[in-house]
Amino acid sequence: QLSISQAGRDYQVAKTAVAQTSDTRDGKVAQL
C-alpha cells in the first residue's frame, strides 16, 4: 500500500504548475 502525504501532493501540484509556465514573460519582452 502507498500513502502520499498532503505536503507531497501540494509539492506535486506546485511542480506541475511551474513546469507549465513559460521561462520568459513574453508580454514584457515584447514591450521592451
PDB file of all heavy atoms in Angstrom:
ATOM      1  N   GLN A   1       0.840  -1.175   0.000  1.00  0.00           N
ATOM      2  CA  GLN A   1       0.000   0.000   0.000  1.00  0.00           C
ATOM      3  C   GLN A   1       0.886   1.239   0.000  1.00  0.00           C
ATOM      4  O   GLN A   1       1.946   1.252   0.620  1.00  0.00           O
ATOM      5  CB  GLN A   1      -0.865  -0.078   1.252  1.00  0.00           C
ATOM      6  CG  GLN A   1      -1.685   1.090   1.580  1.00  0.00           C
ATOM      7  CD  GLN A   1      -2.531   0.811   2.819  1.00  0.00           C
ATOM      8  OE1 GLN A   1      -2.307  -0.145   3.535  1.00  0.00           O
ATOM      9  NE2 GLN A   1      -3.484   1.643   3.075  1.00  0.00           N
ATOM     10  N   LEU A   2       0.486   2.279  -0.688  1.00  0.00           N
ATOM     11  CA  LEU A   2       1.241   3.523  -0.779  1.00  0.00           C
ATOM     12  C   LEU A   2       0.372   4.664  -0.290  1.00  0.00           C
ATOM     13  O   LEU A   2      -0.785   4.782  -0.676  1.00  0.00           O
ATOM     14  CB  LEU A   2       1.666   3.787  -2.231  1.00  0.00           C
ATOM     15  CG  LEU A   2       2.337   5.109  -2.495  1.00  0.00           C
ATOM     16  CD1 LEU A   2       3.706   5.145  -1.819  1.00  0.00           C
ATOM     17  CD2 LEU A   2       2.479   5.332  -3.976  1.00  0.00           C
ATOM     18  N   SER A   3       0.941   5.504   0.562  1.00  0.00           N
ATOM     19  CA  SER A   3       0.219   6.651   1.080  1.00  0.00           C
ATOM     20  C   SER A   3       1.089   7.892   0.900  1.00  0.00           C
ATOM     21  O   SER A   3       2.233   7.916   1.349  1.00  0.00           O
ATOM     22  CB  SER A   3      -0.096   6.430   2.562  1.00  0.00           C
ATOM     23  OG  SER A   3      -0.725   7.567   3.084  1.00  0.00           O
ATOM     24  N   ILE A   4       0.559   8.909   0.231  1.00  0.00           N
ATOM     25  CA  ILE A   4       1.298  10.146  -0.017  1.00  0.00           C
ATOM     26  C   ILE A   4       0.717  11.238   0.881  1.00  0.00           C
ATOM     27  O   ILE A   4      -0.490  11.436   0.932  1.00  0.00           O
ATOM     28  CB  ILE A   4       1.206  10.553  -1.497  1.00  0.00           C
ATOM     29  CG1 ILE A   4       1.797   9.449  -2.368  1.00  0.00           C
ATOM     30  CG2 ILE A   4       1.927  11.867  -1.745  1.00  0.00           C
ATOM     31  CD1 ILE A   4       1.638   9.665  -3.848  1.00  0.00           C
ATOM     32  N   SER A   5       1.599  11.951   1.559  1.00  0.00           N
ATOM     33  CA  SER A   5       1.162  12.990   2.484  1.00  0.00           C
ATOM     34  C   SER A   5       0.583  14.186   1.728  1.00  0.00           C
ATOM     35  O   SER A   5       0.786  14.341   0.529  1.00  0.00           O
ATOM     36  CB  SER A   5       2.333  13.460   3.345  1.00  0.00           C
ATOM     37  OG  SER A   5       3.274  14.149   2.552  1.00  0.00           O
ATOM     38  N   GLN A   6      -0.112  15.036   2.447  1.00  0.00           N
ATOM     39  CA  GLN A   6      -0.680  16.241   1.852  1.00  0.00           C
ATOM     40  C   GLN A   6       0.432  17.160   1.349  1.00  0.00           C
ATOM     41  O   GLN A   6       0.312  17.773   0.289  1.00  0.00           O
ATOM     42  CB  GLN A   6      -1.561  16.978   2.866  1.00  0.00           C
ATOM     43  CG  GLN A   6      -2.273  18.184   2.285  1.00  0.00           C
ATOM     44  CD  GLN A   6      -3.227  17.825   1.152  1.00  0.00           C
ATOM     45  OE1 GLN A   6      -3.955  16.835   1.226  1.00  0.00           O
ATOM     46  NE2 GLN A   6      -3.230  18.619   0.094  1.00  0.00           N
ATOM     47  N   ALA A   7       1.532  17.241   2.075  1.00  0.00           N
ATOM     48  CA  ALA A   7       2.659  18.067   1.644  1.00  0.00           C
ATOM     49  C   ALA A   7       3.230  17.538   0.322  1.00  0.00           C
ATOM     50  O   ALA A   7       3.592  18.317  -0.557  1.00  0.00           O
ATOM     51  CB  ALA A   7       3.744  18.089   2.712  1.00  0.00           C
ATOM     52  N   GLY A   8       3.287  16.231   0.171  1.00  0.00           N
ATOM     53  CA  GLY A   8       3.754  15.633  -1.071  1.00  0.00           C
ATOM     54  C   GLY A   8       2.828  15.941  -2.234  1.00  0.00           C
ATOM     55  O   GLY A   8       3.276  16.226  -3.351  1.00  0.00           O
ATOM     56  N   ARG A   9       1.519  15.902  -1.985  1.00  0.00           N
ATOM     57  CA  ARG A   9       0.551  16.233  -3.027  1.00  0.00           C
ATOM     58  C   ARG A   9       0.660  17.705  -3.426  1.00  0.00           C
ATOM     59  O   ARG A   9       0.620  18.055  -4.602  1.00  0.00           O
ATOM     60  CB  ARG A   9      -0.872  15.913  -2.568  1.00  0.00           C
ATOM     61  CG  ARG A   9      -1.170  14.423  -2.615  1.00  0.00           C
ATOM     62  CD  ARG A   9      -2.637  14.141  -2.312  1.00  0.00           C
ATOM     63  NE  ARG A   9      -2.590  13.127  -1.280  1.00  0.00           N
ATOM     64  CZ  ARG A   9      -3.201  13.167  -0.111  1.00  0.00           C
ATOM     65  NH1 ARG A   9      -3.973  14.174   0.195  1.00  0.00           N
ATOM     66  NH2 ARG A   9      -3.075  12.204   0.761  1.00  0.00           N
ATOM     67  N   ASP A  10       0.804  18.588  -2.414  1.00  0.00           N
ATOM     68  CA  ASP A  10       0.960  20.021  -2.689  1.00  0.00           C
ATOM     69  C   ASP A  10       2.222  20.279  -3.498  1.00  0.00           C
ATOM     70  O   ASP A  10       2.228  21.097  -4.414  1.00  0.00           O
ATOM     71  CB  ASP A  10       1.001  20.813  -1.388  1.00  0.00           C
ATOM     72  CG  ASP A  10      -0.321  20.783  -0.646  1.00  0.00           C
ATOM     73  OD1 ASP A  10      -1.354  20.445  -1.264  1.00  0.00           O
ATOM     74  OD2 ASP A  10      -0.319  21.110   0.564  1.00  0.00           O
ATOM     75  N   TYR A  11       3.303  19.589  -3.161  1.00  0.00           N
ATOM     76  CA  TYR A  11       4.556  19.737  -3.897  1.00  0.00           C
ATOM     77  C   TYR A  11       4.372  19.324  -5.348  1.00  0.00           C
ATOM     78  O   TYR A  11       4.857  19.994  -6.254  1.00  0.00           O
ATOM     79  CB  TYR A  11       5.649  18.890  -3.236  1.00  0.00           C
ATOM     80  CG  TYR A  11       6.938  18.874  -4.009  1.00  0.00           C
ATOM     81  CD1 TYR A  11       7.805  19.955  -3.969  1.00  0.00           C
ATOM     82  CD2 TYR A  11       7.285  17.781  -4.792  1.00  0.00           C
ATOM     83  CE1 TYR A  11       8.982  19.943  -4.692  1.00  0.00           C
ATOM     84  CE2 TYR A  11       8.458  17.764  -5.516  1.00  0.00           C
ATOM     85  CZ  TYR A  11       9.307  18.851  -5.458  1.00  0.00           C
ATOM     86  OH  TYR A  11      10.466  18.838  -6.174  1.00  0.00           O
ATOM     87  N   GLN A  12       3.663  18.250  -5.592  1.00  0.00           N
ATOM     88  CA  GLN A  12       3.445  17.772  -6.963  1.00  0.00           C
ATOM     89  C   GLN A  12       2.612  18.768  -7.758  1.00  0.00           C
ATOM     90  O   GLN A  12       2.894  19.025  -8.931  1.00  0.00           O
ATOM     91  CB  GLN A  12       2.768  16.397  -6.952  1.00  0.00           C
ATOM     92  CG  GLN A  12       2.645  15.778  -8.324  1.00  0.00           C
ATOM     93  CD  GLN A  12       3.990  15.522  -8.968  1.00  0.00           C
ATOM     94  OE1 GLN A  12       4.948  15.160  -8.317  1.00  0.00           O
ATOM     95  NE2 GLN A  12       4.066  15.729 -10.269  1.00  0.00           N
ATOM     96  N   VAL A  13       1.600  19.366  -7.130  1.00  0.00           N
ATOM     97  CA  VAL A  13       0.771  20.361  -7.812  1.00  0.00           C
ATOM     98  C   VAL A  13       1.619  21.583  -8.180  1.00  0.00           C
ATOM     99  O   VAL A  13       1.550  22.093  -9.296  1.00  0.00           O
ATOM    100  CB  VAL A  13      -0.430  20.764  -6.929  1.00  0.00           C
ATOM    101  CG1 VAL A  13      -1.134  21.990  -7.470  1.00  0.00           C
ATOM    102  CG2 VAL A  13      -1.408  19.608  -6.815  1.00  0.00           C
ATOM    103  N   ALA A  14       2.445  22.040  -7.227  1.00  0.00           N
ATOM    104  CA  ALA A  14       3.305  23.195  -7.482  1.00  0.00           C
ATOM    105  C   ALA A  14       4.325  22.890  -8.576  1.00  0.00           C
ATOM    106  O   ALA A  14       4.587  23.717  -9.451  1.00  0.00           O
ATOM    107  CB  ALA A  14       4.017  23.616  -6.198  1.00  0.00           C
ATOM    108  N   LYS A  15       4.885  21.699  -8.545  1.00  0.00           N
ATOM    109  CA  LYS A  15       5.875  21.300  -9.555  1.00  0.00           C
ATOM    110  C   LYS A  15       5.244  21.268 -10.942  1.00  0.00           C
ATOM    111  O   LYS A  15       5.838  21.721 -11.921  1.00  0.00           O
ATOM    112  CB  LYS A  15       6.433  19.925  -9.189  1.00  0.00           C
ATOM    113  CG  LYS A  15       7.518  19.432 -10.098  1.00  0.00           C
ATOM    114  CD  LYS A  15       8.041  18.092  -9.635  1.00  0.00           C
ATOM    115  CE  LYS A  15       9.014  17.516 -10.630  1.00  0.00           C
ATOM    116  NZ  LYS A  15       9.458  16.179 -10.255  1.00  0.00           N
ATOM    117  N   THR A  16       4.032  20.788 -11.048  1.00  0.00           N
ATOM    118  CA  THR A  16       3.323  20.739 -12.321  1.00  0.00           C
ATOM    119  C   THR A  16       3.022  22.153 -12.819  1.00  0.00           C
ATOM    120  O   THR A  16       3.197  22.449 -14.004  1.00  0.00           O
ATOM    121  CB  THR A  16       2.017  19.938 -12.185  1.00  0.00           C
ATOM    122  OG1 THR A  16       2.335  18.630 -11.709  1.00  0.00           O
ATOM    123  CG2 THR A  16       1.292  19.826 -13.499  1.00  0.00           C
ATOM    124  N   ALA A  17       2.607  23.043 -11.911  1.00  0.00           N
ATOM    125  CA  ALA A  17       2.298  24.420 -12.298  1.00  0.00           C
ATOM    126  C   ALA A  17       3.545  25.140 -12.797  1.00  0.00           C
ATOM    127  O   ALA A  17       3.494  25.871 -13.793  1.00  0.00           O
ATOM    128  CB  ALA A  17       1.695  25.167 -11.111  1.00  0.00           C
ATOM    129  N   VAL A  18       4.661  24.935 -12.139  1.00  0.00           N
ATOM    130  CA  VAL A  18       5.911  25.572 -12.564  1.00  0.00           C
ATOM    131  C   VAL A  18       6.357  25.021 -13.912  1.00  0.00           C
ATOM    132  O   VAL A  18       6.838  25.766 -14.770  1.00  0.00           O
ATOM    133  CB  VAL A  18       7.011  25.380 -11.494  1.00  0.00           C
ATOM    134  CG1 VAL A  18       8.372  25.758 -12.019  1.00  0.00           C
ATOM    135  CG2 VAL A  18       6.680  26.185 -10.250  1.00  0.00           C
ATOM    136  N   ALA A  19       6.186  23.738 -14.129  1.00  0.00           N
ATOM    137  CA  ALA A  19       6.590  23.132 -15.398  1.00  0.00           C
ATOM    138  C   ALA A  19       5.752  23.659 -16.560  1.00  0.00           C
ATOM    139  O   ALA A  19       6.235  23.720 -17.692  1.00  0.00           O
ATOM    140  CB  ALA A  19       6.476  21.618 -15.310  1.00  0.00           C
ATOM    141  N   GLN A  20       4.524  24.061 -16.293  1.00  0.00           N
ATOM    142  CA  GLN A  20       3.638  24.526 -17.357  1.00  0.00           C
ATOM    143  C   GLN A  20       3.824  26.005 -17.675  1.00  0.00           C
ATOM    144  O   GLN A  20       3.339  26.471 -18.702  1.00  0.00           O
ATOM    145  CB  GLN A  20       2.181  24.257 -16.986  1.00  0.00           C
ATOM    146  CG  GLN A  20       1.843  22.787 -16.971  1.00  0.00           C
ATOM    147  CD  GLN A  20       0.432  22.519 -16.486  1.00  0.00           C
ATOM    148  OE1 GLN A  20      -0.242  23.414 -15.997  1.00  0.00           O
ATOM    149  NE2 GLN A  20      -0.009  21.284 -16.609  1.00  0.00           N
ATOM    150  N   THR A  21       4.499  26.755 -16.815  1.00  0.00           N
ATOM    151  CA  THR A  21       4.694  28.179 -17.070  1.00  0.00           C
ATOM    152  C   THR A  21       5.907  28.400 -17.951  1.00  0.00           C
ATOM    153  O   THR A  21       6.837  27.596 -17.986  1.00  0.00           O
ATOM    154  CB  THR A  21       4.880  28.964 -15.752  1.00  0.00           C
ATOM    155  OG1 THR A  21       6.013  28.454 -15.064  1.00  0.00           O
ATOM    156  CG2 THR A  21       3.660  28.892 -14.886  1.00  0.00           C
ATOM    157  N   SER A  22       5.901  29.522 -18.648  1.00  0.00           N
ATOM    158  CA  SER A  22       6.997  29.867 -19.538  1.00  0.00           C
ATOM    159  C   SER A  22       8.176  30.413 -18.730  1.00  0.00           C
ATOM    160  O   SER A  22       7.997  31.016 -17.677  1.00  0.00           O
ATOM    161  CB  SER A  22       6.523  30.927 -20.534  1.00  0.00           C
ATOM    162  OG  SER A  22       7.597  31.348 -21.340  1.00  0.00           O
ATOM    163  N   ASP A  23       9.385  30.206 -19.247  1.00  0.00           N
ATOM    164  CA  ASP A  23      10.572  30.726 -18.579  1.00  0.00           C
ATOM    165  C   ASP A  23      10.721  32.229 -18.768  1.00  0.00           C
ATOM    166  O   ASP A  23      11.415  32.892 -18.015  1.00  0.00           O
ATOM    167  CB  ASP A  23      11.830  30.023 -19.102  1.00  0.00           C
ATOM    168  CG  ASP A  23      11.924  28.578 -18.641  1.00  0.00           C
ATOM    169  OD1 ASP A  23      11.252  28.231 -17.660  1.00  0.00           O
ATOM    170  OD2 ASP A  23      12.671  27.814 -19.273  1.00  0.00           O
ATOM    171  N   THR A  24      10.101  32.776 -19.796  1.00  0.00           N
ATOM    172  CA  THR A  24      10.181  34.210 -20.057  1.00  0.00           C
ATOM    173  C   THR A  24       8.795  34.817 -20.009  1.00  0.00           C
ATOM    174  O   THR A  24       7.790  34.147 -20.266  1.00  0.00           O
ATOM    175  CB  THR A  24      10.795  34.497 -21.438  1.00  0.00           C
ATOM    176  OG1 THR A  24       9.990  33.871 -22.430  1.00  0.00           O
ATOM    177  CG2 THR A  24      12.214  33.980 -21.527  1.00  0.00           C
ATOM    178  N   ARG A  25       8.753  36.092 -19.667  1.00  0.00           N
ATOM    179  CA  ARG A  25       7.491  36.828 -19.686  1.00  0.00           C
ATOM    180  C   ARG A  25       7.373  37.464 -21.065  1.00  0.00           C
ATOM    181  O   ARG A  25       7.905  38.546 -21.314  1.00  0.00           O
ATOM    182  CB  ARG A  25       7.463  37.866 -18.573  1.00  0.00           C
ATOM    183  CG  ARG A  25       7.487  37.211 -17.188  1.00  0.00           C
ATOM    184  CD  ARG A  25       7.378  38.207 -16.097  1.00  0.00           C
ATOM    185  NE  ARG A  25       8.612  38.989 -16.029  1.00  0.00           N
ATOM    186  CZ  ARG A  25       8.774  40.060 -15.261  1.00  0.00           C
ATOM    187  NH1 ARG A  25       7.789  40.478 -14.501  1.00  0.00           N
ATOM    188  NH2 ARG A  25       9.920  40.712 -15.260  1.00  0.00           N
ATOM    189  N   ASP A  26       6.678  36.781 -21.952  1.00  0.00           N
ATOM    190  CA  ASP A  26       6.608  37.177 -23.356  1.00  0.00           C
ATOM    191  C   ASP A  26       6.048  38.579 -23.542  1.00  0.00           C
ATOM    192  O   ASP A  26       6.524  39.343 -24.386  1.00  0.00           O
ATOM    193  CB  ASP A  26       5.788  36.160 -24.154  1.00  0.00           C
ATOM    194  CG  ASP A  26       6.457  34.790 -24.190  1.00  0.00           C
ATOM    195  OD1 ASP A  26       7.694  34.741 -24.184  1.00  0.00           O
ATOM    196  OD2 ASP A  26       5.728  33.777 -24.226  1.00  0.00           O
ATOM    197  N   GLY A  27       5.047  38.950 -22.765  1.00  0.00           N
ATOM    198  CA  GLY A  27       4.459  40.286 -22.872  1.00  0.00           C
ATOM    199  C   GLY A  27       5.459  41.369 -22.518  1.00  0.00           C
ATOM    200  O   GLY A  27       5.564  42.399 -23.203  1.00  0.00           O
ATOM    201  N   LYS A  28       6.208  41.134 -21.449  1.00  0.00           N
ATOM    202  CA  LYS A  28       7.214  42.104 -21.014  1.00  0.00           C
ATOM    203  C   LYS A  28       8.340  42.221 -22.037  1.00  0.00           C
ATOM    204  O   LYS A  28       8.790  43.321 -22.354  1.00  0.00           O
ATOM    205  CB  LYS A  28       7.774  41.666 -19.655  1.00  0.00           C
ATOM    206  CG  LYS A  28       8.735  42.596 -19.025  1.00  0.00           C
ATOM    207  CD  LYS A  28       8.011  43.746 -18.378  1.00  0.00           C
ATOM    208  CE  LYS A  28       8.977  44.545 -17.514  1.00  0.00           C
ATOM    209  NZ  LYS A  28       8.374  45.752 -17.019  1.00  0.00           N
ATOM    210  N   VAL A  29       8.784  41.082 -22.575  1.00  0.00           N
ATOM    211  CA  VAL A  29       9.852  41.083 -23.576  1.00  0.00           C
ATOM    212  C   VAL A  29       9.397  41.827 -24.833  1.00  0.00           C
ATOM    213  O   VAL A  29      10.147  42.643 -25.394  1.00  0.00           O
ATOM    214  CB  VAL A  29      10.290  39.640 -23.913  1.00  0.00           C
ATOM    215  CG1 VAL A  29      11.225  39.615 -25.107  1.00  0.00           C
ATOM    216  CG2 VAL A  29      10.943  38.997 -22.708  1.00  0.00           C
ATOM    217  N   ALA A  30       8.170  41.579 -25.279  1.00  0.00           N
ATOM    218  CA  ALA A  30       7.651  42.249 -26.473  1.00  0.00           C
ATOM    219  C   ALA A  30       7.561  43.756 -26.252  1.00  0.00           C
ATOM    220  O   ALA A  30       7.902  44.555 -27.136  1.00  0.00           O
ATOM    221  CB  ALA A  30       6.281  41.681 -26.850  1.00  0.00           C
ATOM    222  N   GLN A  31       7.127  44.170 -25.059  1.00  0.00           N
ATOM    223  CA  GLN A  31       7.027  45.597 -24.740  1.00  0.00           C
ATOM    224  C   GLN A  31       8.411  46.253 -24.769  1.00  0.00           C
ATOM    225  O   GLN A  31       8.581  47.322 -25.347  1.00  0.00           O
ATOM    226  CB  GLN A  31       6.386  45.771 -23.361  1.00  0.00           C
ATOM    227  CG  GLN A  31       6.259  47.210 -22.923  1.00  0.00           C
ATOM    228  CD  GLN A  31       5.776  47.335 -21.485  1.00  0.00           C
ATOM    229  OE1 GLN A  31       5.728  46.345 -20.749  1.00  0.00           O
ATOM    230  NE2 GLN A  31       5.406  48.531 -21.091  1.00  0.00           N
ATOM    231  N   LEU A  32       9.395  45.606 -24.159  1.00  0.00           N
ATOM    232  CA  LEU A  32      10.751  46.161 -24.147  1.00  0.00           C
ATOM    233  C   LEU A  32      11.350  46.214 -25.548  1.00  0.00           C
ATOM    234  O   LEU A  32      12.022  47.186 -25.901  1.00  0.00           O
ATOM    235  CB  LEU A  32      11.649  45.361 -23.204  1.00  0.00           C
ATOM    236  CG  LEU A  32      11.343  45.520 -21.715  1.00  0.00           C
ATOM    237  CD1 LEU A  32      12.162  44.539 -20.894  1.00  0.00           C
ATOM    238  CD2 LEU A  32      11.598  46.944 -21.264  1.00  0.00           C
TER     239      LEU A  32
END
